[in-house]
Amino acid sequence: MHKKSKVNLIDVPWPASLLKCAKQTDAMQPGDELIISLRDKDVKESLILVLNALPQLTFSISDSGDCTIINVKKFNPDAAGLH
């Protein structure tokens, strides 16, 4: 069964925000989804760089007021034809 988790990085300073996010993404299984909430633009840009470096993750970004939401999904690389 796929799991949907949330991590709140609002007011969590760098690098603690990266460590908190990394702990969640490391635990993800194919099909799992992670919703990240944050405000800090520098943390947002840094997380985007990190997430772009992880080929098994896809993500989308949306803004909601003063908060940014990053929706991360992990997929099975074999199912996507990535070997």
Protein backbone atom coordinates (compact mmCIF):
# COMPACT_ATOMS: atom_id res chain seq x y z
CA MET A 1 0.00 0.00 0.00
CA HIS A 2 1.28 3.43 -0.91
CA LYS A 3 1.96 5.84 1.90
CA LYS A 4 1.30 9.59 1.91
CA SER A 5 3.41 11.56 4.40
CA LYS A 6 3.80 15.22 5.27
CA VAL A 7 6.83 17.12 6.51
CA ASN A 8 6.57 20.67 7.80
CA LEU A 9 9.75 22.66 7.17
CA ILE A 10 8.20 26.04 8.01
CA ASP A 11 10.66 27.89 10.24
CA VAL A 12 13.10 24.94 10.17
CA PRO A 13 16.56 26.39 9.42
CA TRP A 14 19.07 25.04 6.92
CA PRO A 15 20.67 22.42 7.21
CA ALA A 16 18.15 20.89 9.64
CA SER A 17 15.48 21.22 6.94
CA LEU A 18 17.58 19.16 4.51
CA LEU A 19 18.22 16.48 7.12
CA LYS A 20 14.52 16.28 8.00
CA CYS A 21 13.58 16.01 4.33
CA ALA A 22 16.32 13.46 3.58
CA LYS A 23 15.10 11.22 6.40
CA GLN A 24 11.62 11.20 4.85
CA THR A 25 12.74 10.66 1.24
CA ASP A 26 15.11 7.85 2.27
CA ALA A 27 12.21 5.98 3.87
CA MET A 28 9.98 6.27 0.79
CA GLN A 29 8.99 3.17 -1.18
CA PRO A 30 7.88 3.18 -4.84
CA GLY A 31 4.42 4.72 -5.06
CA ASP A 32 4.82 6.74 -1.85
CA GLU A 33 4.12 10.45 -1.77
CA LEU A 34 5.64 13.16 0.43
CA ILE A 35 4.16 16.63 0.88
CA ILE A 36 6.72 19.22 2.00
CA SER A 37 5.60 22.60 3.37
CA LEU A 38 8.08 25.47 3.66
CA ARG A 39 8.45 29.26 3.55
CA ASP A 40 12.18 29.96 3.19
CA LYS A 41 13.08 30.65 -0.45
CA ASP A 42 16.71 29.58 0.08
CA VAL A 43 15.61 26.26 1.56
CA LYS A 44 13.22 25.83 -1.39
CA GLU A 45 15.99 26.39 -3.95
CA SER A 46 18.36 24.04 -2.12
CA LEU A 47 15.74 21.30 -1.86
CA ILE A 48 14.98 21.63 -5.57
CA LEU A 49 18.67 21.05 -6.34
CA VAL A 50 18.75 17.98 -4.11
CA LEU A 51 15.49 16.55 -5.47
CA ASN A 52 16.66 17.06 -9.06
CA ALA A 53 19.70 14.89 -8.26
CA LEU A 54 17.52 11.94 -7.18
CA PRO A 55 16.36 10.18 -10.37
CA GLN A 56 13.81 7.93 -8.63
CA LEU A 57 11.83 10.95 -7.39
CA THR A 58 9.49 13.26 -9.26
CA PHE A 59 8.13 16.44 -7.78
CA SER A 60 5.89 19.41 -8.40
CA ILE A 61 5.87 22.80 -6.72
CA SER A 62 2.95 25.05 -5.89
CA ASP A 63 2.64 28.24 -3.89
CA SER A 64 -0.15 28.79 -1.40
CA GLY A 65 -0.03 32.27 0.10
CA ASP A 66 3.35 32.68 1.79
CA CYS A 67 3.92 28.92 1.84
CA THR A 68 5.43 26.65 -0.81
CA ILE A 69 4.25 23.06 -1.19
CA ILE A 70 6.53 20.48 -2.83
CA ASN A 71 4.78 17.24 -3.73
CA VAL A 72 7.33 14.42 -4.08
CA LYS A 73 6.57 10.96 -5.46
CA LYS A 74 8.85 7.96 -5.65
CA PHE A 75 8.48 5.62 -8.57
CA ASN A 76 9.86 2.22 -9.43
CA PRO A 77 12.70 2.78 -11.93
CA ASP A 78 12.15 -0.69 -13.44
CA ALA A 79 8.50 0.12 -14.19
CA ALA A 80 9.55 3.38 -15.87
CA GLY A 81 12.06 1.64 -18.11
CA LEU A 82 15.07 3.06 -16.23
CA HIS A 83 17.64 0.33 -15.64
